[in-house]
Full PDB file with SEQRES, HELIX, SHEET, SSBOND, CRYST1, ORIGX, SCALE, CONECT and MASTER records, all heavy atoms in Angstrom:
SEQRES   1 A   36  MET ASN SER LEU LYS PRO GLU ASP THR ALA VAL TYR TYR          
SEQRES   2 A   36  CYS ASN ALA ARG ARG THR SER THR VAL ASP ASP TYR TRP          
SEQRES   3 A   36  GLY GLN GLY THR GLN VAL THR VAL ALA SER                      
HELIX    1 AA1 PRO A    6  ASP A    8  5                                   3    
SHEET    1 AA1 2 ALA A  10  TYR A  12  0                                        
SHEET    2 AA1 2 THR A  30  VAL A  32 -1                                        
SHEET    1 AA2 2 ASN A  15  ARG A  18  0                                        
SHEET    2 AA2 2 ASP A  23  TRP A  26 -1                                        
CRYST1    1.000    1.000    1.000  90.00  90.00  90.00 P 1           1          
ORIGX1      1.000000  0.000000  0.000000        0.00000                         
ORIGX2      0.000000  1.000000  0.000000        0.00000                         
ORIGX3      0.000000  0.000000  1.000000        0.00000                         
SCALE1      1.000000  0.000000  0.000000        0.00000                         
SCALE2      0.000000  1.000000  0.000000        0.00000                         
SCALE3      0.000000  0.000000  1.000000        0.00000                         
ATOM      1  N   MET A   1       0.802  -1.174  -0.008  1.00  0.00           N  
ATOM      2  CA  MET A   1      -0.015  -0.052   0.045  1.00  0.00           C  
ATOM      3  C   MET A   1       0.879   1.302   0.012  1.00  0.00           C  
ATOM      4  O   MET A   1       1.698   1.549   0.867  1.00  0.00           O  
ATOM      5  CB  MET A   1      -0.908   0.074   1.216  1.00  0.00           C  
ATOM      6  CG  MET A   1      -1.805  -1.243   1.287  1.00  0.00           C  
ATOM      7  SD  MET A   1      -3.050  -1.169   2.722  1.00  0.00           S  
ATOM      8  CE  MET A   1      -1.830  -1.172   4.039  1.00  0.00           C  
ATOM      9  N   ASN A   2       0.736   1.997  -1.084  1.00  0.00           N  
ATOM     10  CA  ASN A   2       1.478   3.288  -1.180  1.00  0.00           C  
ATOM     11  C   ASN A   2       0.616   4.481  -1.242  1.00  0.00           C  
ATOM     12  O   ASN A   2      -0.568   4.298  -1.536  1.00  0.00           O  
ATOM     13  CB  ASN A   2       2.386   3.219  -2.433  1.00  0.00           C  
ATOM     14  CG  ASN A   2       3.434   2.128  -2.378  1.00  0.00           C  
ATOM     15  OD1 ASN A   2       3.959   1.770  -1.401  1.00  0.00           O  
ATOM     16  ND2 ASN A   2       3.725   1.573  -3.603  1.00  0.00           N  
ATOM     17  N   SER A   3       1.138   5.640  -1.010  1.00  0.00           N  
ATOM     18  CA  SER A   3       0.336   6.844  -1.083  1.00  0.00           C  
ATOM     19  C   SER A   3      -0.931   6.742  -0.271  1.00  0.00           C  
ATOM     20  O   SER A   3      -2.020   7.184  -0.715  1.00  0.00           O  
ATOM     21  CB  SER A   3       0.016   7.281  -2.506  1.00  0.00           C  
ATOM     22  OG  SER A   3       1.178   7.318  -3.284  1.00  0.00           O  
ATOM     23  N   LEU A   4      -0.775   6.295   0.909  1.00  0.00           N  
ATOM     24  CA  LEU A   4      -1.923   6.019   1.799  1.00  0.00           C  
ATOM     25  C   LEU A   4      -2.676   7.352   2.128  1.00  0.00           C  
ATOM     26  O   LEU A   4      -1.929   8.434   2.330  1.00  0.00           O  
ATOM     27  CB  LEU A   4      -1.472   5.334   3.103  1.00  0.00           C  
ATOM     28  CG  LEU A   4      -1.234   3.812   2.887  1.00  0.00           C  
ATOM     29  CD1 LEU A   4      -0.394   3.291   4.072  1.00  0.00           C  
ATOM     30  CD2 LEU A   4      -2.538   3.103   2.657  1.00  0.00           C  
ATOM     31  N   LYS A   5      -4.033   7.209   2.169  1.00  0.00           N  
ATOM     32  CA  LYS A   5      -4.840   8.292   2.574  1.00  0.00           C  
ATOM     33  C   LYS A   5      -5.656   8.020   3.856  1.00  0.00           C  
ATOM     34  O   LYS A   5      -5.734   6.875   4.190  1.00  0.00           O  
ATOM     35  CB  LYS A   5      -5.813   8.642   1.368  1.00  0.00           C  
ATOM     36  CG  LYS A   5      -5.226   8.737   0.074  1.00  0.00           C  
ATOM     37  CD  LYS A   5      -6.294   8.909  -1.041  1.00  0.00           C  
ATOM     38  CE  LYS A   5      -5.662   9.041  -2.368  1.00  0.00           C  
ATOM     39  NZ  LYS A   5      -6.817   9.089  -3.454  1.00  0.00           N  
ATOM     40  N   PRO A   6      -6.091   9.034   4.515  1.00  0.00           N  
ATOM     41  CA  PRO A   6      -6.919   8.794   5.655  1.00  0.00           C  
ATOM     42  C   PRO A   6      -8.139   7.855   5.442  1.00  0.00           C  
ATOM     43  O   PRO A   6      -8.579   7.153   6.288  1.00  0.00           O  
ATOM     44  CB  PRO A   6      -7.421  10.149   6.155  1.00  0.00           C  
ATOM     45  CG  PRO A   6      -6.365  11.056   5.646  1.00  0.00           C  
ATOM     46  CD  PRO A   6      -5.841  10.442   4.338  1.00  0.00           C  
ATOM     47  N   GLU A   7      -8.670   7.955   4.199  1.00  0.00           N  
ATOM     48  CA  GLU A   7      -9.754   7.103   3.704  1.00  0.00           C  
ATOM     49  C   GLU A   7      -9.433   5.572   3.710  1.00  0.00           C  
ATOM     50  O   GLU A   7     -10.346   4.791   3.733  1.00  0.00           O  
ATOM     51  CB  GLU A   7     -10.248   7.485   2.409  1.00  0.00           C  
ATOM     52  CG  GLU A   7     -10.667   8.990   2.278  1.00  0.00           C  
ATOM     53  CD  GLU A   7      -9.519   9.746   1.734  1.00  0.00           C  
ATOM     54  OE1 GLU A   7      -8.675  10.270   2.537  1.00  0.00           O  
ATOM     55  OE2 GLU A   7      -9.352   9.969   0.554  1.00  0.00           O  
ATOM     56  N   ASP A   8      -8.132   5.275   3.795  1.00  0.00           N  
ATOM     57  CA  ASP A   8      -7.731   3.904   3.754  1.00  0.00           C  
ATOM     58  C   ASP A   8      -7.759   3.329   5.047  1.00  0.00           C  
ATOM     59  O   ASP A   8      -7.533   2.167   5.313  1.00  0.00           O  
ATOM     60  CB  ASP A   8      -6.275   3.716   3.155  1.00  0.00           C  
ATOM     61  CG  ASP A   8      -6.191   4.198   1.734  1.00  0.00           C  
ATOM     62  OD1 ASP A   8      -7.117   3.811   0.969  1.00  0.00           O  
ATOM     63  OD2 ASP A   8      -5.285   4.878   1.349  1.00  0.00           O  
ATOM     64  N   THR A   9      -7.978   4.022   6.129  1.00  0.00           N  
ATOM     65  CA  THR A   9      -8.003   3.560   7.510  1.00  0.00           C  
ATOM     66  C   THR A   9      -9.165   2.601   7.672  1.00  0.00           C  
ATOM     67  O   THR A   9     -10.300   2.862   7.364  1.00  0.00           O  
ATOM     68  CB  THR A   9      -8.261   4.777   8.449  1.00  0.00           C  
ATOM     69  OG1 THR A   9      -7.070   5.651   8.450  1.00  0.00           O  
ATOM     70  CG2 THR A   9      -8.473   4.187   9.894  1.00  0.00           C  
ATOM     71  N   ALA A  10      -8.775   1.418   8.109  1.00  0.00           N  
ATOM     72  CA  ALA A  10      -9.784   0.272   8.197  1.00  0.00           C  
ATOM     73  C   ALA A  10      -9.051  -0.932   8.780  1.00  0.00           C  
ATOM     74  O   ALA A  10      -7.806  -0.950   8.954  1.00  0.00           O  
ATOM     75  CB  ALA A  10     -10.416  -0.026   6.913  1.00  0.00           C  
ATOM     76  N   VAL A  11      -9.879  -1.905   9.143  1.00  0.00           N  
ATOM     77  CA  VAL A  11      -9.281  -3.195   9.429  1.00  0.00           C  
ATOM     78  C   VAL A  11      -9.254  -4.056   8.107  1.00  0.00           C  
ATOM     79  O   VAL A  11     -10.311  -4.045   7.370  1.00  0.00           O  
ATOM     80  CB  VAL A  11     -10.160  -4.001  10.426  1.00  0.00           C  
ATOM     81  CG1 VAL A  11      -9.564  -5.371  10.630  1.00  0.00           C  
ATOM     82  CG2 VAL A  11     -10.218  -3.209  11.795  1.00  0.00           C  
ATOM     83  N   TYR A  12      -8.054  -4.478   7.805  1.00  0.00           N  
ATOM     84  CA  TYR A  12      -7.908  -5.272   6.567  1.00  0.00           C  
ATOM     85  C   TYR A  12      -7.892  -6.725   6.799  1.00  0.00           C  
ATOM     86  O   TYR A  12      -7.265  -7.190   7.785  1.00  0.00           O  
ATOM     87  CB  TYR A  12      -6.643  -4.792   5.878  1.00  0.00           C  
ATOM     88  CG  TYR A  12      -6.667  -3.502   5.235  1.00  0.00           C  
ATOM     89  CD1 TYR A  12      -6.728  -2.254   6.008  1.00  0.00           C  
ATOM     90  CD2 TYR A  12      -6.656  -3.363   3.785  1.00  0.00           C  
ATOM     91  CE1 TYR A  12      -6.820  -1.086   5.377  1.00  0.00           C  
ATOM     92  CE2 TYR A  12      -6.666  -2.086   3.343  1.00  0.00           C  
ATOM     93  CZ  TYR A  12      -6.801  -0.970   3.995  1.00  0.00           C  
ATOM     94  OH  TYR A  12      -6.957   0.360   3.419  1.00  0.00           O  
ATOM     95  N   TYR A  13      -8.713  -7.370   5.911  1.00  0.00           N  
ATOM     96  CA  TYR A  13      -8.849  -8.821   6.101  1.00  0.00           C  
ATOM     97  C   TYR A  13      -8.323  -9.573   4.820  1.00  0.00           C  
ATOM     98  O   TYR A  13      -8.663  -9.191   3.710  1.00  0.00           O  
ATOM     99  CB  TYR A  13     -10.304  -9.173   6.340  1.00  0.00           C  
ATOM    100  CG  TYR A  13     -10.995  -8.639   7.525  1.00  0.00           C  
ATOM    101  CD1 TYR A  13     -11.557  -7.377   7.570  1.00  0.00           C  
ATOM    102  CD2 TYR A  13     -10.947  -9.345   8.710  1.00  0.00           C  
ATOM    103  CE1 TYR A  13     -12.153  -6.897   8.685  1.00  0.00           C  
ATOM    104  CE2 TYR A  13     -11.444  -8.837   9.866  1.00  0.00           C  
ATOM    105  CZ  TYR A  13     -12.122  -7.644   9.817  1.00  0.00           C  
ATOM    106  OH  TYR A  13     -12.646  -7.009  11.046  1.00  0.00           O  
ATOM    107  N   CYS A  14      -7.687 -10.680   5.112  1.00  0.00           N  
ATOM    108  CA  CYS A  14      -7.278 -11.637   3.987  1.00  0.00           C  
ATOM    109  C   CYS A  14      -8.333 -12.574   3.838  1.00  0.00           C  
ATOM    110  O   CYS A  14      -9.074 -12.991   4.724  1.00  0.00           O  
ATOM    111  CB  CYS A  14      -5.978 -12.316   4.494  1.00  0.00           C  
ATOM    112  SG  CYS A  14      -5.397 -13.460   3.267  1.00  0.00           S  
ATOM    113  N   ASN A  15      -8.688 -12.809   2.553  1.00  0.00           N  
ATOM    114  CA  ASN A  15      -9.787 -13.673   2.141  1.00  0.00           C  
ATOM    115  C   ASN A  15      -9.278 -14.722   1.181  1.00  0.00           C  
ATOM    116  O   ASN A  15      -8.505 -14.442   0.263  1.00  0.00           O  
ATOM    117  CB  ASN A  15     -10.916 -12.861   1.528  1.00  0.00           C  
ATOM    118  CG  ASN A  15     -11.959 -13.688   0.886  1.00  0.00           C  
ATOM    119  OD1 ASN A  15     -11.828 -13.835  -0.334  1.00  0.00           O  
ATOM    120  ND2 ASN A  15     -12.823 -14.326   1.645  1.00  0.00           N  
ATOM    121  N   ALA A  16      -9.780 -15.909   1.239  1.00  0.00           N  
ATOM    122  CA  ALA A  16      -9.626 -17.001   0.255  1.00  0.00           C  
ATOM    123  C   ALA A  16     -10.942 -17.549  -0.085  1.00  0.00           C  
ATOM    124  O   ALA A  16     -11.727 -17.919   0.703  1.00  0.00           O  
ATOM    125  CB  ALA A  16      -8.745 -18.048   0.818  1.00  0.00           C  
ATOM    126  N   ARG A  17     -11.214 -17.634  -1.349  1.00  0.00           N  
ATOM    127  CA  ARG A  17     -12.474 -18.144  -1.831  1.00  0.00           C  
ATOM    128  C   ARG A  17     -12.267 -19.271  -2.757  1.00  0.00           C  
ATOM    129  O   ARG A  17     -11.599 -19.200  -3.736  1.00  0.00           O  
ATOM    130  CB  ARG A  17     -13.382 -17.043  -2.570  1.00  0.00           C  
ATOM    131  CG  ARG A  17     -14.501 -17.551  -3.280  1.00  0.00           C  
ATOM    132  CD  ARG A  17     -15.497 -16.430  -3.816  1.00  0.00           C  
ATOM    133  NE  ARG A  17     -16.189 -15.865  -2.615  1.00  0.00           N  
ATOM    134  CZ  ARG A  17     -17.223 -14.969  -2.825  1.00  0.00           C  
ATOM    135  NH1 ARG A  17     -17.514 -14.630  -4.021  1.00  0.00           N  
ATOM    136  NH2 ARG A  17     -17.871 -14.540  -1.761  1.00  0.00           N  
ATOM    137  N   ARG A  18     -12.933 -20.364  -2.314  1.00  0.00           N  
ATOM    138  CA  ARG A  18     -12.855 -21.591  -3.196  1.00  0.00           C  
ATOM    139  C   ARG A  18     -13.823 -21.409  -4.300  1.00  0.00           C  
ATOM    140  O   ARG A  18     -15.008 -21.302  -4.112  1.00  0.00           O  
ATOM    141  CB  ARG A  18     -13.179 -22.835  -2.420  1.00  0.00           C  
ATOM    142  CG  ARG A  18     -13.054 -24.117  -3.192  1.00  0.00           C  
ATOM    143  CD  ARG A  18     -13.153 -25.332  -2.263  1.00  0.00           C  
ATOM    144  NE  ARG A  18     -12.869 -26.535  -2.990  1.00  0.00           N  
ATOM    145  CZ  ARG A  18     -12.832 -27.713  -2.367  1.00  0.00           C  
ATOM    146  NH1 ARG A  18     -13.082 -27.836  -1.067  1.00  0.00           N  
ATOM    147  NH2 ARG A  18     -12.651 -28.834  -3.169  1.00  0.00           N  
ATOM    148  N   THR A  19     -13.355 -21.358  -5.572  1.00  0.00           N  
ATOM    149  CA  THR A  19     -14.104 -20.986  -6.691  1.00  0.00           C  
ATOM    150  C   THR A  19     -15.293 -21.962  -7.002  1.00  0.00           C  
ATOM    151  O   THR A  19     -16.362 -21.461  -7.379  1.00  0.00           O  
ATOM    152  CB  THR A  19     -13.261 -20.794  -7.965  1.00  0.00           C  
ATOM    153  OG1 THR A  19     -12.531 -22.013  -8.213  1.00  0.00           O  
ATOM    154  CG2 THR A  19     -12.263 -19.619  -7.657  1.00  0.00           C  
ATOM    155  N   SER A  20     -15.065 -23.246  -6.716  1.00  0.00           N  
ATOM    156  CA  SER A  20     -16.030 -24.180  -7.085  1.00  0.00           C  
ATOM    157  C   SER A  20     -17.293 -24.201  -6.207  1.00  0.00           C  
ATOM    158  O   SER A  20     -18.451 -24.456  -6.602  1.00  0.00           O  
ATOM    159  CB  SER A  20     -15.421 -25.554  -7.175  1.00  0.00           C  
ATOM    160  OG  SER A  20     -14.916 -25.908  -5.909  1.00  0.00           O  
ATOM    161  N   THR A  21     -17.057 -23.821  -4.961  1.00  0.00           N  
ATOM    162  CA  THR A  21     -18.090 -23.909  -3.995  1.00  0.00           C  
ATOM    163  C   THR A  21     -18.441 -22.504  -3.420  1.00  0.00           C  
ATOM    164  O   THR A  21     -19.391 -22.437  -2.620  1.00  0.00           O  
ATOM    165  CB  THR A  21     -17.654 -24.825  -2.779  1.00  0.00           C  
ATOM    166  OG1 THR A  21     -16.480 -24.335  -2.139  1.00  0.00           O  
ATOM    167  CG2 THR A  21     -17.464 -26.267  -3.323  1.00  0.00           C  
ATOM    168  N   VAL A  22     -17.592 -21.593  -3.625  1.00  0.00           N  
ATOM    169  CA  VAL A  22     -17.773 -20.186  -3.181  1.00  0.00           C  
ATOM    170  C   VAL A  22     -17.686 -20.166  -1.544  1.00  0.00           C  
ATOM    171  O   VAL A  22     -18.301 -19.351  -0.942  1.00  0.00           O  
ATOM    172  CB  VAL A  22     -19.072 -19.512  -3.643  1.00  0.00           C  
ATOM    173  CG1 VAL A  22     -18.936 -17.941  -3.506  1.00  0.00           C  
ATOM    174  CG2 VAL A  22     -19.221 -19.793  -5.114  1.00  0.00           C  
ATOM    175  N   ASP A  23     -16.924 -21.114  -1.074  1.00  0.00           N  
ATOM    176  CA  ASP A  23     -16.592 -21.058   0.351  1.00  0.00           C  
ATOM    177  C   ASP A  23     -15.589 -19.989   0.628  1.00  0.00           C  
ATOM    178  O   ASP A  23     -14.551 -20.025  -0.013  1.00  0.00           O  
ATOM    179  CB  ASP A  23     -16.120 -22.443   0.856  1.00  0.00           C  
ATOM    180  CG  ASP A  23     -17.053 -23.547   0.741  1.00  0.00           C  
ATOM    181  OD1 ASP A  23     -18.362 -23.219   0.960  1.00  0.00           O  
ATOM    182  OD2 ASP A  23     -16.738 -24.678   0.484  1.00  0.00           O  
ATOM    183  N   ASP A  24     -15.843 -19.264   1.645  1.00  0.00           N  
ATOM    184  CA  ASP A  24     -14.959 -18.236   2.081  1.00  0.00           C  
ATOM    185  C   ASP A  24     -14.235 -18.460   3.341  1.00  0.00           C  
ATOM    186  O   ASP A  24     -14.791 -18.971   4.268  1.00  0.00           O  
ATOM    187  CB  ASP A  24     -15.735 -16.811   2.274  1.00  0.00           C  
ATOM    188  CG  ASP A  24     -16.034 -16.210   0.952  1.00  0.00           C  
ATOM    189  OD1 ASP A  24     -15.075 -16.004   0.115  1.00  0.00           O  
ATOM    190  OD2 ASP A  24     -17.222 -15.710   0.751  1.00  0.00           O  
ATOM    191  N   TYR A  25     -12.988 -18.067   3.346  1.00  0.00           N  
ATOM    192  CA  TYR A  25     -12.178 -18.238   4.568  1.00  0.00           C  
ATOM    193  C   TYR A  25     -11.487 -16.819   4.849  1.00  0.00           C  
ATOM    194  O   TYR A  25     -11.143 -16.160   3.889  1.00  0.00           O  
ATOM    195  CB  TYR A  25     -11.071 -19.314   4.324  1.00  0.00           C  
ATOM    196  CG  TYR A  25     -11.585 -20.661   4.132  1.00  0.00           C  
ATOM    197  CD1 TYR A  25     -11.841 -21.076   2.860  1.00  0.00           C  
ATOM    198  CD2 TYR A  25     -11.736 -21.527   5.132  1.00  0.00           C  
ATOM    199  CE1 TYR A  25     -12.301 -22.308   2.551  1.00  0.00           C  
ATOM    200  CE2 TYR A  25     -12.309 -22.808   4.876  1.00  0.00           C  
ATOM    201  CZ  TYR A  25     -12.585 -23.118   3.614  1.00  0.00           C  
ATOM    202  OH  TYR A  25     -13.036 -24.405   3.306  1.00  0.00           O  
ATOM    203  N   TRP A  26     -11.549 -16.415   6.142  1.00  0.00           N  
ATOM    204  CA  TRP A  26     -11.073 -15.100   6.506  1.00  0.00           C  
ATOM    205  C   TRP A  26      -9.981 -15.212   7.486  1.00  0.00           C  
ATOM    206  O   TRP A  26     -10.032 -16.006   8.445  1.00  0.00           O  
ATOM    207  CB  TRP A  26     -12.269 -14.310   7.056  1.00  0.00           C  
ATOM    208  CG  TRP A  26     -13.291 -14.102   6.028  1.00  0.00           C  
ATOM    209  CD1 TRP A  26     -14.481 -14.871   5.834  1.00  0.00           C  
ATOM    210  CD2 TRP A  26     -13.466 -12.944   5.109  1.00  0.00           C  
ATOM    211  NE1 TRP A  26     -15.198 -14.313   4.823  1.00  0.00           N  
ATOM    212  CE2 TRP A  26     -14.612 -13.224   4.371  1.00  0.00           C  
ATOM    213  CE3 TRP A  26     -12.718 -11.908   4.754  1.00  0.00           C  
ATOM    214  CZ2 TRP A  26     -15.026 -12.333   3.396  1.00  0.00           C  
ATOM    215  CZ3 TRP A  26     -13.001 -11.032   3.849  1.00  0.00           C  
ATOM    216  CH2 TRP A  26     -14.237 -11.214   3.115  1.00  0.00           C  
ATOM    217  N   GLY A  27      -9.025 -14.233   7.473  1.00  0.00           N  
ATOM    218  CA  GLY A  27      -8.161 -14.042   8.532  1.00  0.00           C  
ATOM    219  C   GLY A  27      -8.703 -13.198   9.701  1.00  0.00           C  
ATOM    220  O   GLY A  27      -9.945 -12.790   9.681  1.00  0.00           O  
ATOM    221  N   GLN A  28      -7.981 -12.913  10.740  1.00  0.00           N  
ATOM    222  CA  GLN A  28      -8.528 -12.208  11.900  1.00  0.00           C  
ATOM    223  C   GLN A  28      -8.585 -10.725  11.618  1.00  0.00           C  
ATOM    224  O   GLN A  28      -9.285  -9.955  12.448  1.00  0.00           O  
ATOM    225  CB  GLN A  28      -7.717 -12.556  13.212  1.00  0.00           C  
ATOM    226  CG  GLN A  28      -6.388 -11.714  13.300  1.00  0.00           C  
ATOM    227  CD  GLN A  28      -5.270 -12.151  12.230  1.00  0.00           C  
ATOM    228  OE1 GLN A  28      -5.385 -13.035  11.509  1.00  0.00           O  
ATOM    229  NE2 GLN A  28      -4.192 -11.314  12.297  1.00  0.00           N  
ATOM    230  N   GLY A  29      -7.904 -10.149  10.716  1.00  0.00           N  
ATOM    231  CA  GLY A  29      -7.811  -8.710  10.417  1.00  0.00           C  
ATOM    232  C   GLY A  29      -6.571  -8.037  11.057  1.00  0.00           C  
ATOM    233  O   GLY A  29      -6.096  -8.514  12.147  1.00  0.00           O  
ATOM    234  N   THR A  30      -6.172  -6.998  10.431  1.00  0.00           N  
ATOM    235  CA  THR A  30      -5.069  -6.249  10.850  1.00  0.00           C  
ATOM    236  C   THR A  30      -5.423  -4.692  10.719  1.00  0.00           C  
ATOM    237  O   THR A  30      -5.888  -4.392   9.644  1.00  0.00           O  
ATOM    238  CB  THR A  30      -3.783  -6.599  10.301  1.00  0.00           C  
ATOM    239  OG1 THR A  30      -2.701  -5.804  10.817  1.00  0.00           O  
ATOM    240  CG2 THR A  30      -3.777  -6.267   8.749  1.00  0.00           C  
ATOM    241  N   GLN A  31      -5.212  -3.924  11.741  1.00  0.00           N  
ATOM    242  CA  GLN A  31      -5.580  -2.503  11.690  1.00  0.00           C  
ATOM    243  C   GLN A  31      -4.621  -1.696  11.002  1.00  0.00           C  
ATOM    244  O   GLN A  31      -3.443  -1.723  11.180  1.00  0.00           O  
ATOM    245  CB  GLN A  31      -5.754  -1.996  13.113  1.00  0.00           C  
ATOM    246  CG  GLN A  31      -6.154  -0.498  13.242  1.00  0.00           C  
ATOM    247  CD  GLN A  31      -7.565  -0.204  12.795  1.00  0.00           C  
ATOM    248  OE1 GLN A  31      -8.465  -0.839  13.151  1.00  0.00           O  
ATOM    249  NE2 GLN A  31      -7.714   0.789  11.853  1.00  0.00           N  
ATOM    250  N   VAL A  32      -5.205  -0.888   9.977  1.00  0.00           N  
ATOM    251  CA  VAL A  32      -4.337   0.079   9.278  1.00  0.00           C  
ATOM    252  C   VAL A  32      -4.928   1.483   9.706  1.00  0.00           C  
ATOM    253  O   VAL A  32      -6.090   1.712   9.455  1.00  0.00           O  
ATOM    254  CB  VAL A  32      -4.346  -0.076   7.747  1.00  0.00           C  
ATOM    255  CG1 VAL A  32      -3.690   1.050   7.097  1.00  0.00           C  
ATOM    256  CG2 VAL A  32      -3.666  -1.421   7.485  1.00  0.00           C  
ATOM    257  N   THR A  33      -4.172   2.352  10.180  1.00  0.00           N  
ATOM    258  CA  THR A  33      -4.563   3.680  10.483  1.00  0.00           C  
ATOM    259  C   THR A  33      -3.636   4.730   9.787  1.00  0.00           C  
ATOM    260  O   THR A  33      -2.509   4.713   9.918  1.00  0.00           O  
ATOM    261  CB  THR A  33      -4.475   3.924  12.000  1.00  0.00           C  
ATOM    262  OG1 THR A  33      -5.377   2.941  12.746  1.00  0.00           O  
ATOM    263  CG2 THR A  33      -5.068   5.293  12.290  1.00  0.00           C  
ATOM    264  N   VAL A  34      -4.292   5.547   9.020  1.00  0.00           N  
ATOM    265  CA  VAL A  34      -3.574   6.559   8.297  1.00  0.00           C  
ATOM    266  C   VAL A  34      -3.903   8.020   8.885  1.00  0.00           C  
ATOM    267  O   VAL A  34      -5.026   8.451   8.830  1.00  0.00           O  
ATOM    268  CB  VAL A  34      -3.996   6.603   6.792  1.00  0.00           C  
ATOM    269  CG1 VAL A  34      -3.012   7.659   6.051  1.00  0.00           C  
ATOM    270  CG2 VAL A  34      -3.718   5.178   6.230  1.00  0.00           C  
ATOM    271  N   ALA A  35      -2.934   8.641   9.488  1.00  0.00           N  
ATOM    272  CA  ALA A  35      -3.159   9.825  10.134  1.00  0.00           C  
ATOM    273  C   ALA A  35      -3.169  11.063   9.112  1.00  0.00           C  
ATOM    274  O   ALA A  35      -2.317  11.146   8.228  1.00  0.00           O  
ATOM    275  CB  ALA A  35      -2.083  10.138  11.272  1.00  0.00           C  
ATOM    276  N   SER A  36      -4.059  11.899   9.271  1.00  0.00           N  
ATOM    277  CA  SER A  36      -4.158  13.089   8.381  1.00  0.00           C  
ATOM    278  C   SER A  36      -3.342  14.276   8.844  1.00  0.00           C  
ATOM    279  O   SER A  36      -2.778  14.225   9.995  1.00  0.00           O  
ATOM    280  CB  SER A  36      -5.654  13.484   8.283  1.00  0.00           C  
ATOM    281  OG  SER A  36      -6.107  13.884   9.575  1.00  0.00           O  
TER     282      SER A  36                                                      
MASTER        0    0    0    1    4    0    0    6  281    1    0    3          
END                                                                             
């Protein structure tokens, strides 16, 4: 992530989707905070 903006502030989650079944797997999330 480059040129980060305050609007990018969020919890970011990793996702894996099995295409055949559309099963979703998620990570626990990691906080990104961009100070203005």
